[in-house]
Amino acid sequence: MVVLEPRRRVSALLAALMGAVDRVADKETRSRVYAGVGAFARESPLLASFLLAQLLLSVLPLLLFASFAFSTLLLALSAAVAFSLFWIGVALLVLVPTLCVTLSLGVGVWLWAVGCWVIGWWVWGILFAGRAKREESVNGDAVGGGRTYEVVDEN
């Protein structure tokens, strides 16, 4: 019973690996590769065993290097994102007060323009009141409170 447990684990591992290979390559391609590897191992057993030993012993360092490179890239990207977000936040600390000042200036300019227009309209009414003849509308429903102005020549 003790010997069967590791064999079951190894066979389960091999089945999982074969399932992964099944998803990557179709059956025809796999059979061609297996036949080629088998033929190579039969023709040159010393070279095949050397390459297999090198592959088995080199897989772990290669995987560790790949994980290190991936982690380094991930760290660099996250640092770049954090760096960018920091400086965007600093820029926002400058932008928000600037927008408040420009908003205040815009409201001030608009109020100045409206005030000039209202005062100009009032002054226009005072200056040309003698020349204009005021007419009341008959029913009082006209636009502007029922008042219309007509310029009259004094000649």
N, C-alpha and C. Protein backbone atom coordinates (compact mmCIF):
# COMPACT_ATOMS: atom_id res chain seq x y z
N MET A 1 0.80 -1.21 0.00
CA MET A 1 0.00 0.00 0.00
C MET A 1 0.84 1.27 0.00
N VAL A 2 1.96 1.24 0.70
CA VAL A 2 2.82 2.41 0.80
C VAL A 2 3.44 2.72 -0.56
N VAL A 3 3.77 1.72 -1.33
CA VAL A 3 4.41 1.91 -2.62
C VAL A 3 3.39 2.40 -3.66
N LEU A 4 2.14 2.05 -3.53
CA LEU A 4 1.13 2.42 -4.51
C LEU A 4 0.78 3.91 -4.45
N GLU A 5 0.87 4.51 -3.29
CA GLU A 5 0.51 5.93 -3.15
C GLU A 5 1.41 6.83 -3.99
N PRO A 6 2.73 6.74 -3.95
CA PRO A 6 3.56 7.59 -4.83
C PRO A 6 3.32 7.31 -6.29
N ARG A 7 3.06 6.05 -6.66
CA ARG A 7 2.78 5.73 -8.05
C ARG A 7 1.49 6.41 -8.52
N ARG A 8 0.51 6.45 -7.67
CA ARG A 8 -0.76 7.12 -8.03
C ARG A 8 -0.52 8.61 -8.23
N ARG A 9 0.29 9.18 -7.38
CA ARG A 9 0.57 10.61 -7.51
C ARG A 9 1.34 10.90 -8.80
N VAL A 10 2.31 10.06 -9.09
CA VAL A 10 3.09 10.26 -10.31
C VAL A 10 2.20 10.07 -11.54
N SER A 11 1.35 9.05 -11.51
CA SER A 11 0.47 8.85 -12.67
C SER A 11 -0.55 9.98 -12.79
N ALA A 12 -1.01 10.52 -11.67
CA ALA A 12 -1.92 11.67 -11.73
C ALA A 12 -1.21 12.90 -12.28
N LEU A 13 0.05 13.07 -11.88
CA LEU A 13 0.83 14.19 -12.39
C LEU A 13 1.07 14.05 -13.89
N LEU A 14 1.40 12.85 -14.31
CA LEU A 14 1.61 12.62 -15.75
C LEU A 14 0.32 12.82 -16.53
N ALA A 15 -0.81 12.40 -15.95
CA ALA A 15 -2.09 12.60 -16.63
C ALA A 15 -2.40 14.09 -16.75
N ALA A 16 -2.08 14.86 -15.70
CA ALA A 16 -2.32 16.30 -15.76
C ALA A 16 -1.42 16.95 -16.80
N LEU A 17 -0.15 16.52 -16.86
CA LEU A 17 0.76 17.06 -17.87
C LEU A 17 0.30 16.70 -19.28
N MET A 18 -0.14 15.48 -19.47
CA MET A 18 -0.63 15.06 -20.78
C MET A 18 -1.89 15.85 -21.16
N GLY A 19 -2.74 16.12 -20.18
CA GLY A 19 -3.92 16.94 -20.46
C GLY A 19 -3.53 18.35 -20.90
N ALA A 20 -2.50 18.90 -20.26
CA ALA A 20 -2.02 20.23 -20.67
C ALA A 20 -1.44 20.18 -22.07
N VAL A 21 -0.68 19.11 -22.37
CA VAL A 21 -0.11 18.97 -23.72
C VAL A 21 -1.23 18.76 -24.74
N ASP A 22 -2.27 18.02 -24.36
CA ASP A 22 -3.41 17.81 -25.27
C ASP A 22 -4.06 19.12 -25.66
N ARG A 23 -4.12 20.08 -24.74
CA ARG A 23 -4.75 21.36 -25.04
C ARG A 23 -3.87 22.20 -25.97
N VAL A 24 -2.55 22.00 -25.91
CA VAL A 24 -1.64 22.82 -26.71
C VAL A 24 -1.45 22.24 -28.11
N ALA A 25 -1.20 20.95 -28.20
CA ALA A 25 -0.90 20.33 -29.49
C ALA A 25 -1.91 19.22 -29.79
N ASP A 26 -2.25 19.05 -31.05
CA ASP A 26 -3.19 17.99 -31.40
C ASP A 26 -2.48 16.63 -31.40
N LYS A 27 -3.25 15.57 -31.53
CA LYS A 27 -2.72 14.21 -31.39
C LYS A 27 -1.69 13.88 -32.48
N GLU A 28 -1.92 14.32 -33.68
CA GLU A 28 -1.00 14.03 -34.79
C GLU A 28 0.37 14.67 -34.55
N THR A 29 0.38 15.92 -34.13
CA THR A 29 1.63 16.61 -33.86
C THR A 29 2.38 15.95 -32.70
N ARG A 30 1.65 15.61 -31.66
CA ARG A 30 2.28 14.94 -30.51
C ARG A 30 2.90 13.60 -30.92
N SER A 31 2.20 12.82 -31.72
CA SER A 31 2.73 11.51 -32.12
C SER A 31 3.99 11.68 -32.98
N ARG A 32 4.03 12.72 -33.84
CA ARG A 32 5.24 12.97 -34.63
C ARG A 32 6.41 13.37 -33.74
N VAL A 33 6.14 14.20 -32.74
CA VAL A 33 7.21 14.62 -31.82
C VAL A 33 7.70 13.43 -31.02
N TYR A 34 6.78 12.62 -30.47
CA TYR A 34 7.18 11.45 -29.69
C TYR A 34 8.01 10.48 -30.54
N ALA A 35 7.60 10.27 -31.77
CA ALA A 35 8.34 9.37 -32.67
C ALA A 35 9.73 9.92 -32.96
N GLY A 36 9.83 11.24 -33.18
CA GLY A 36 11.13 11.85 -33.45
C GLY A 36 12.05 11.77 -32.24
N VAL A 37 11.50 12.05 -31.04
CA VAL A 37 12.32 11.98 -29.83
C VAL A 37 12.75 10.54 -29.57
N GLY A 38 11.84 9.59 -29.76
CA GLY A 38 12.18 8.18 -29.57
C GLY A 38 13.26 7.72 -30.54
N ALA A 39 13.15 8.12 -31.79
CA ALA A 39 14.15 7.76 -32.80
C ALA A 39 15.50 8.37 -32.45
N PHE A 40 15.48 9.64 -32.01
CA PHE A 40 16.73 10.29 -31.62
C PHE A 40 17.37 9.58 -30.42
N ALA A 41 16.54 9.18 -29.43
CA ALA A 41 17.07 8.49 -28.25
C ALA A 41 17.65 7.11 -28.62
N ARG A 42 17.05 6.43 -29.60
CA ARG A 42 17.58 5.14 -30.03
C ARG A 42 18.86 5.27 -30.84
N GLU A 43 18.94 6.33 -31.65
CA GLU A 43 20.12 6.52 -32.49
C GLU A 43 21.32 7.03 -31.69
N SER A 44 21.08 7.94 -30.75
CA SER A 44 22.17 8.53 -29.97
C SER A 44 21.79 8.53 -28.49
N PRO A 45 21.90 7.40 -27.83
CA PRO A 45 21.47 7.34 -26.43
C PRO A 45 22.33 8.20 -25.50
N LEU A 46 23.61 8.31 -25.77
CA LEU A 46 24.46 9.13 -24.90
C LEU A 46 24.11 10.61 -25.01
N LEU A 47 23.95 11.09 -26.23
CA LEU A 47 23.59 12.50 -26.42
C LEU A 47 22.19 12.78 -25.89
N ALA A 48 21.26 11.85 -26.10
CA ALA A 48 19.89 12.03 -25.61
C ALA A 48 19.87 12.08 -24.09
N SER A 49 20.64 11.18 -23.43
CA SER A 49 20.66 11.19 -21.96
C SER A 49 21.34 12.45 -21.44
N PHE A 50 22.39 12.93 -22.15
CA PHE A 50 23.05 14.17 -21.76
C PHE A 50 22.09 15.35 -21.85
N LEU A 51 21.37 15.46 -22.97
CA LEU A 51 20.41 16.56 -23.15
C LEU A 51 19.27 16.47 -22.15
N LEU A 52 18.82 15.25 -21.83
CA LEU A 52 17.76 15.09 -20.84
C LEU A 52 18.24 15.53 -19.46
N ALA A 53 19.47 15.16 -19.08
CA ALA A 53 20.01 15.57 -17.79
C ALA A 53 20.16 17.09 -17.73
N GLN A 54 20.64 17.68 -18.81
CA GLN A 54 20.79 19.13 -18.85
C GLN A 54 19.42 19.82 -18.75
N LEU A 55 18.45 19.29 -19.45
CA LEU A 55 17.11 19.86 -19.41
C LEU A 55 16.50 19.76 -18.03
N LEU A 56 16.60 18.59 -17.42
CA LEU A 56 16.01 18.41 -16.09
C LEU A 56 16.69 19.28 -15.03
N LEU A 57 18.00 19.42 -15.13
CA LEU A 57 18.71 20.23 -14.13
C LEU A 57 18.64 21.73 -14.42
N SER A 58 18.32 22.10 -15.63
CA SER A 58 18.27 23.52 -15.98
C SER A 58 16.86 24.10 -15.89
N VAL A 59 15.86 23.27 -15.79
CA VAL A 59 14.48 23.78 -15.77
C VAL A 59 14.24 24.65 -14.56
N LEU A 60 14.67 24.22 -13.38
CA LEU A 60 14.42 24.99 -12.16
C LEU A 60 15.09 26.36 -12.20
N PRO A 61 16.38 26.48 -12.54
CA PRO A 61 16.97 27.82 -12.63
C PRO A 61 16.31 28.69 -13.71
N LEU A 62 15.94 28.08 -14.82
CA LEU A 62 15.26 28.86 -15.87
C LEU A 62 13.90 29.37 -15.39
N LEU A 63 13.17 28.53 -14.70
CA LEU A 63 11.87 28.96 -14.15
C LEU A 63 12.06 30.04 -13.09
N LEU A 64 13.08 29.88 -12.25
CA LEU A 64 13.34 30.91 -11.24
C LEU A 64 13.74 32.23 -11.90
N PHE A 65 14.57 32.16 -12.94
CA PHE A 65 14.94 33.39 -13.64
C PHE A 65 13.72 34.04 -14.30
N ALA A 66 12.88 33.22 -14.92
CA ALA A 66 11.68 33.76 -15.57
C ALA A 66 10.76 34.41 -14.54
N SER A 67 10.61 33.78 -13.37
CA SER A 67 9.76 34.38 -12.34
C SER A 67 10.39 35.66 -11.80
N PHE A 68 11.74 35.68 -11.68
CA PHE A 68 12.42 36.91 -11.25
C PHE A 68 12.20 38.03 -12.27
N ALA A 69 12.37 37.72 -13.55
CA ALA A 69 12.19 38.74 -14.59
C ALA A 69 10.75 39.25 -14.61
N PHE A 70 9.81 38.33 -14.48
CA PHE A 70 8.40 38.75 -14.45
C PHE A 70 8.12 39.62 -13.23
N SER A 71 8.65 39.22 -12.07
CA SER A 71 8.44 40.01 -10.84
C SER A 71 9.09 41.38 -10.96
N THR A 72 10.27 41.43 -11.58
CA THR A 72 10.94 42.71 -11.76
C THR A 72 10.13 43.63 -12.67
N LEU A 73 9.61 43.08 -13.75
CA LEU A 73 8.76 43.88 -14.64
C LEU A 73 7.50 44.34 -13.93
N LEU A 74 6.91 43.45 -13.15
CA LEU A 74 5.71 43.81 -12.40
C LEU A 74 6.01 44.91 -11.39
N LEU A 75 7.14 44.79 -10.70
CA LEU A 75 7.54 45.82 -9.74
C LEU A 75 7.80 47.15 -10.45
N ALA A 76 8.49 47.09 -11.59
CA ALA A 76 8.77 48.32 -12.33
C ALA A 76 7.49 48.98 -12.83
N LEU A 77 6.56 48.18 -13.32
CA LEU A 77 5.29 48.75 -13.78
C LEU A 77 4.50 49.35 -12.63
N SER A 78 4.46 48.64 -11.50
CA SER A 78 3.72 49.18 -10.36
C SER A 78 4.40 50.44 -9.82
N ALA A 79 5.75 50.46 -9.83
CA ALA A 79 6.46 51.67 -9.41
C ALA A 79 6.19 52.81 -10.38
N ALA A 80 6.14 52.50 -11.66
CA ALA A 80 5.84 53.56 -12.65
C ALA A 80 4.43 54.10 -12.45
N VAL A 81 3.50 53.21 -12.17
CA VAL A 81 2.12 53.66 -11.94
C VAL A 81 2.06 54.50 -10.67
N ALA A 82 2.72 54.05 -9.60
CA ALA A 82 2.72 54.82 -8.36
C ALA A 82 3.40 56.17 -8.56
N PHE A 83 4.53 56.19 -9.28
CA PHE A 83 5.23 57.44 -9.57
C PHE A 83 4.33 58.39 -10.35
N SER A 84 3.66 57.86 -11.37
CA SER A 84 2.76 58.69 -12.18
C SER A 84 1.60 59.22 -11.35
N LEU A 85 1.00 58.35 -10.55
CA LEU A 85 -0.12 58.80 -9.72
C LEU A 85 0.31 59.87 -8.72
N PHE A 86 1.51 59.73 -8.16
CA PHE A 86 2.01 60.75 -7.23
C PHE A 86 2.11 62.10 -7.91
N TRP A 87 2.74 62.14 -9.10
CA TRP A 87 2.92 63.43 -9.76
C TRP A 87 1.62 63.97 -10.34
N ILE A 88 0.70 63.09 -10.69
CA ILE A 88 -0.62 63.56 -11.11
C ILE A 88 -1.33 64.20 -9.93
N GLY A 89 -1.17 63.61 -8.73
CA GLY A 89 -1.74 64.21 -7.52
C GLY A 89 -1.13 65.56 -7.21
N VAL A 90 0.20 65.68 -7.37
CA VAL A 90 0.85 66.98 -7.16
C VAL A 90 0.32 68.00 -8.17
N ALA A 91 0.17 67.57 -9.41
CA ALA A 91 -0.36 68.49 -10.43
C ALA A 91 -1.79 68.90 -10.12
N LEU A 92 -2.57 67.98 -9.55
CA LEU A 92 -3.93 68.34 -9.15
C LEU A 92 -3.93 69.35 -8.02
N LEU A 93 -2.94 69.27 -7.14
CA LEU A 93 -2.83 70.27 -6.07
C LEU A 93 -2.56 71.66 -6.62
N VAL A 94 -1.98 71.75 -7.79
CA VAL A 94 -1.78 73.04 -8.45
C VAL A 94 -2.99 73.40 -9.30
N LEU A 95 -3.59 72.41 -9.95
CA LEU A 95 -4.68 72.66 -10.89
C LEU A 95 -5.95 73.15 -10.18
N VAL A 96 -6.30 72.53 -9.07
CA VAL A 96 -7.57 72.87 -8.41
C VAL A 96 -7.59 74.33 -7.94
N PRO A 97 -6.57 74.84 -7.24
CA PRO A 97 -6.61 76.26 -6.89
C PRO A 97 -6.58 77.18 -8.11
N THR A 98 -5.84 76.75 -9.15
CA THR A 98 -5.81 77.55 -10.38
C THR A 98 -7.20 77.64 -11.00
N LEU A 99 -7.90 76.51 -11.02
CA LEU A 99 -9.27 76.52 -11.56
C LEU A 99 -10.19 77.38 -10.70
N CYS A 100 -10.00 77.37 -9.39
CA CYS A 100 -10.81 78.23 -8.52
C CYS A 100 -10.58 79.70 -8.83
N VAL A 101 -9.31 80.07 -9.04
CA VAL A 101 -8.99 81.47 -9.37
C VAL A 101 -9.59 81.84 -10.73
N THR A 102 -9.40 80.97 -11.74
CA THR A 102 -9.93 81.30 -13.06
C THR A 102 -11.45 81.30 -13.07
N LEU A 103 -12.07 80.43 -12.27
CA LEU A 103 -13.54 80.44 -12.15
C LEU A 103 -14.00 81.75 -11.54
N SER A 104 -13.31 82.20 -10.49
CA SER A 104 -13.67 83.47 -9.86
C SER A 104 -13.48 84.63 -10.84
N LEU A 105 -12.38 84.61 -11.58
CA LEU A 105 -12.16 85.66 -12.57
C LEU A 105 -13.23 85.63 -13.66
N GLY A 106 -13.59 84.42 -14.10
CA GLY A 106 -14.63 84.31 -15.12
C GLY A 106 -15.97 84.84 -14.63
N VAL A 107 -16.33 84.53 -13.39
CA VAL A 107 -17.59 85.06 -12.83
C VAL A 107 -17.50 86.58 -12.71
N GLY A 108 -16.33 87.08 -12.28
CA GLY A 108 -16.17 88.54 -12.18
C GLY A 108 -16.29 89.23 -13.52
N VAL A 109 -15.65 88.67 -14.54
CA VAL A 109 -15.74 89.26 -15.89
C VAL A 109 -17.17 89.20 -16.39
N TRP A 110 -17.86 88.09 -16.14
CA TRP A 110 -19.24 87.98 -16.60
C TRP A 110 -20.13 89.00 -15.86
N LEU A 111 -19.95 89.13 -14.55
CA LEU A 111 -20.74 90.12 -13.80
C LEU A 111 -20.43 91.54 -14.28
N TRP A 112 -19.15 91.82 -14.57
CA TRP A 112 -18.79 93.13 -15.10
C TRP A 112 -19.47 93.38 -16.44
N ALA A 113 -19.47 92.37 -17.33
CA ALA A 113 -20.10 92.53 -18.65
C ALA A 113 -21.60 92.73 -18.51
N VAL A 114 -22.25 91.96 -17.64
CA VAL A 114 -23.70 92.11 -17.46
C VAL A 114 -24.00 93.47 -16.83
N GLY A 115 -23.18 93.86 -15.85
CA GLY A 115 -23.38 95.17 -15.23
C GLY A 115 -23.21 96.30 -16.23
N CYS A 116 -22.19 96.21 -17.09
CA CYS A 116 -22.00 97.23 -18.12
C CYS A 116 -23.19 97.26 -19.08
N TRP A 117 -23.69 96.08 -19.43
CA TRP A 117 -24.83 96.06 -20.35
C TRP A 117 -26.07 96.67 -19.69
N VAL A 118 -26.33 96.33 -18.43
CA VAL A 118 -27.51 96.87 -17.72
C VAL A 118 -27.37 98.38 -17.55
N ILE A 119 -26.20 98.84 -17.13
CA ILE A 119 -25.99 100.27 -16.96
C ILE A 119 -26.07 100.98 -18.31
N GLY A 120 -25.49 100.38 -19.35
CA GLY A 120 -25.58 100.97 -20.69
C GLY A 120 -27.02 101.05 -21.17
N TRP A 121 -27.78 100.01 -20.91
CA TRP A 121 -29.20 100.02 -21.32
C TRP A 121 -29.96 101.10 -20.56
N TRP A 122 -29.64 101.25 -19.27
CA TRP A 122 -30.30 102.26 -18.44
C TRP A 122 -29.92 103.67 -18.90
N VAL A 123 -28.60 103.87 -19.17
CA VAL A 123 -28.13 105.18 -19.66
C VAL A 123 -28.73 105.46 -21.03
N TRP A 124 -28.82 104.49 -21.89
CA TRP A 124 -29.43 104.65 -23.22
C TRP A 124 -30.89 105.11 -23.06
N GLY A 125 -31.58 104.50 -22.12
CA GLY A 125 -32.98 104.90 -21.88
C GLY A 125 -33.09 106.32 -21.37
N ILE A 126 -32.14 106.73 -20.52
CA ILE A 126 -32.19 108.10 -19.99
C ILE A 126 -31.81 109.10 -21.07
N LEU A 127 -30.76 108.85 -21.82
CA LEU A 127 -30.28 109.79 -22.83
C LEU A 127 -31.26 109.97 -23.98
N PHE A 128 -31.89 108.91 -24.37
CA PHE A 128 -32.77 109.00 -25.54
C PHE A 128 -34.24 108.96 -25.15
N ALA A 129 -34.56 109.29 -23.90
CA ALA A 129 -35.96 109.29 -23.46
C ALA A 129 -36.74 110.41 -24.13
N GLY A 130 -36.12 111.50 -24.39
CA GLY A 130 -36.81 112.61 -25.04
C GLY A 130 -37.09 112.31 -26.50
N ARG A 131 -36.31 111.54 -27.15
CA ARG A 131 -36.49 111.23 -28.56
C ARG A 131 -37.43 110.07 -28.77
N ALA A 132 -37.64 109.25 -27.74
CA ALA A 132 -38.46 108.06 -27.91
C ALA A 132 -39.87 108.34 -27.45
N LYS A 133 -40.79 107.80 -28.16
CA LYS A 133 -42.20 107.94 -27.81
C LYS A 133 -42.65 106.62 -27.21
N ARG A 134 -43.16 106.71 -26.01
CA ARG A 134 -43.54 105.50 -25.31
C ARG A 134 -44.94 105.11 -25.71
N GLU A 135 -45.08 103.85 -26.05
CA GLU A 135 -46.39 103.35 -26.43
C GLU A 135 -46.75 102.19 -25.51
N GLU A 136 -47.90 102.24 -24.95
CA GLU A 136 -48.40 101.15 -24.12
C GLU A 136 -49.20 100.22 -25.02
N SER A 137 -49.06 98.96 -24.79
CA SER A 137 -49.86 98.03 -25.58
C SER A 137 -51.28 98.06 -25.09
N VAL A 138 -52.17 97.67 -25.93
CA VAL A 138 -53.58 97.77 -25.63
C VAL A 138 -53.98 96.83 -24.50
N ASN A 139 -53.52 95.59 -24.58
CA ASN A 139 -53.93 94.64 -23.56
C ASN A 139 -52.85 94.41 -22.49
N GLY A 140 -51.68 94.99 -22.61
CA GLY A 140 -50.62 94.86 -21.61
C GLY A 140 -49.90 93.52 -21.63
N ASP A 141 -50.13 92.72 -22.67
CA ASP A 141 -49.49 91.40 -22.72
C ASP A 141 -48.23 91.38 -23.58
N ALA A 142 -47.79 92.49 -24.04
CA ALA A 142 -46.63 92.52 -24.93
C ALA A 142 -45.35 92.18 -24.15
N VAL A 143 -44.35 91.74 -24.86
CA VAL A 143 -43.07 91.39 -24.24
C VAL A 143 -42.43 92.64 -23.68
N GLY A 144 -41.77 92.50 -22.54
CA GLY A 144 -41.10 93.64 -21.92
C GLY A 144 -42.07 94.45 -21.07
N GLY A 145 -43.07 93.81 -20.53
CA GLY A 145 -44.01 94.51 -19.66
C GLY A 145 -44.97 95.39 -20.41
N GLY A 146 -45.17 95.17 -21.69
CA GLY A 146 -46.13 95.94 -22.46
C GLY A 146 -45.56 97.23 -23.02
N ARG A 147 -44.27 97.46 -22.86
CA ARG A 147 -43.68 98.71 -23.34
C ARG A 147 -42.93 98.46 -24.64
N THR A 148 -43.15 99.33 -25.60
CA THR A 148 -42.37 99.32 -26.82
C THR A 148 -41.87 100.73 -27.06
N TYR A 149 -40.71 100.84 -27.65
CA TYR A 149 -40.13 102.15 -27.92
C TYR A 149 -39.95 102.31 -29.42
N GLU A 150 -40.23 103.52 -29.86
CA GLU A 150 -40.07 103.83 -31.27
C GLU A 150 -39.29 105.13 -31.36
N VAL A 151 -38.26 105.15 -32.21
CA VAL A 151 -37.46 106.35 -32.38
C VAL A 151 -38.22 107.29 -33.30
N VAL A 152 -38.36 108.50 -32.83
CA VAL A 152 -39.15 109.48 -33.59
C VAL A 152 -38.21 110.62 -33.99
N ASP A 153 -38.27 111.01 -35.26
CA ASP A 153 -37.49 112.16 -35.71
C ASP A 153 -38.13 113.43 -35.18
N GLU A 154 -37.31 114.34 -34.71
CA GLU A 154 -37.83 115.60 -34.19
C GLU A 154 -37.97 116.62 -35.30
N ASN A 155 -37.69 116.30 -36.49
CA ASN A 155 -37.82 117.25 -37.60
C ASN A 155 -39.23 117.48 -37.97
